[in-house]
Amino acid sequence: MVKAPRLLGATALAASLLVPGASWACPACAGNPDGGITRYLLIGLMVVSPYLAATVVIRLIRKGEAAMRASEDASVHAD
């Protein structure tokens, strides 16, 4: 059960290390004339990231609730 959050954290760390310019840039910095499509990609990522984070948190909460219900049902049926 602990492997999924560790894998997610390791993936985020690897992505931020492999793409350091994009992970530290903001739309104002990317708005330079030589920025090209990068500006639009960063703005899109900033808009989408809260939705992705909320999706991950909701899935983790639902998974935890399901596990708790399963353990409660198992203990009730064991009696």
Protein backbone atom coordinates (compact mmCIF):
# COMPACT_ATOMS: atom_id res chain seq x y z
CA MET A 1 0.00 0.00 0.00
CA VAL A 2 2.92 2.38 0.57
CA LYS A 3 4.43 1.74 -2.86
CA ALA A 4 1.97 3.93 -4.83
CA PRO A 5 2.73 7.22 -3.00
CA ARG A 6 6.45 6.52 -3.16
CA LEU A 7 6.23 5.79 -6.86
CA LEU A 8 4.24 8.98 -7.41
CA GLY A 9 6.78 11.02 -5.45
CA ALA A 10 9.70 9.44 -7.27
CA THR A 11 8.04 10.15 -10.62
CA ALA A 12 7.43 13.80 -9.72
CA LEU A 13 11.01 14.18 -8.53
CA ALA A 14 12.39 12.60 -11.70
CA ALA A 15 10.22 14.81 -13.88
CA SER A 16 11.33 17.98 -12.09
CA LEU A 17 14.98 16.98 -12.34
CA LEU A 18 14.78 16.03 -16.01
CA VAL A 19 12.99 19.22 -17.05
CA PRO A 20 14.41 21.89 -14.71
CA GLY A 21 13.75 24.85 -17.01
CA ALA A 22 10.07 24.05 -17.36
CA SER A 23 9.56 23.24 -13.70
CA TRP A 24 10.96 26.59 -12.51
CA ALA A 25 9.61 28.82 -15.27
CA CYS A 26 6.51 30.95 -14.90
CA PRO A 27 4.33 32.41 -17.67
CA ALA A 28 6.02 35.80 -17.32
CA CYS A 29 9.46 34.25 -17.80
CA ALA A 30 8.23 32.04 -20.61
CA GLY A 31 6.66 35.06 -22.32
CA ASN A 32 9.97 36.14 -23.76
CA PRO A 33 9.90 36.51 -27.55
CA ASP A 34 12.00 33.39 -27.95
CA GLY A 35 9.68 31.36 -25.65
CA GLY A 36 7.52 30.04 -28.46
CA ILE A 37 4.95 27.43 -27.49
CA THR A 38 6.51 26.98 -24.05
CA ARG A 39 4.45 29.84 -22.65
CA TYR A 40 1.19 28.17 -23.62
CA LEU A 41 2.31 24.79 -22.33
CA LEU A 42 3.23 26.24 -18.94
CA ILE A 43 -0.02 28.15 -18.63
CA GLY A 44 -1.88 24.95 -19.51
CA LEU A 45 0.04 22.99 -16.90
CA MET A 46 -0.71 25.62 -14.27
CA VAL A 47 -4.41 25.43 -15.10
CA VAL A 48 -4.58 21.63 -15.17
CA SER A 49 -2.36 20.84 -12.17
CA PRO A 50 -4.97 21.55 -9.43
CA TYR A 51 -7.40 19.19 -11.16
CA LEU A 52 -4.78 16.47 -11.39
CA ALA A 53 -3.84 16.92 -7.73
CA ALA A 54 -7.50 16.79 -6.67
CA THR A 55 -8.04 13.62 -8.71
CA VAL A 56 -5.10 11.90 -7.04
CA VAL A 57 -6.20 12.94 -3.55
CA ILE A 58 -9.81 11.84 -4.15
CA ARG A 59 -8.67 8.46 -5.46
CA LEU A 60 -6.39 7.93 -2.46
CA ILE A 61 -9.17 8.84 -0.04
CA ARG A 62 -11.64 6.53 -1.76
CA LYS A 63 -9.11 3.71 -1.79
CA GLY A 64 -8.46 4.20 1.92
CA GLU A 65 -12.17 4.25 2.71
CA ALA A 66 -12.71 1.06 0.73
CA ALA A 67 -9.87 -0.64 2.59
CA MET A 68 -11.30 0.48 5.93
CA ARG A 69 -14.76 -0.82 4.98
CA ALA A 70 -13.27 -4.13 3.85
CA SER A 71 -11.39 -4.58 7.12
CA GLU A 72 -14.50 -3.65 9.14
CA ASP A 73 -16.62 -6.11 7.14
CA ALA A 74 -14.01 -8.82 7.64
CA SER A 75 -13.96 -8.25 11.40
CA VAL A 76 -17.77 -8.25 11.60
CA HIS A 77 -18.07 -11.49 9.62
CA ALA A 78 -15.31 -13.11 11.67
CA ASP A 79 -17.44 -12.88 14.83
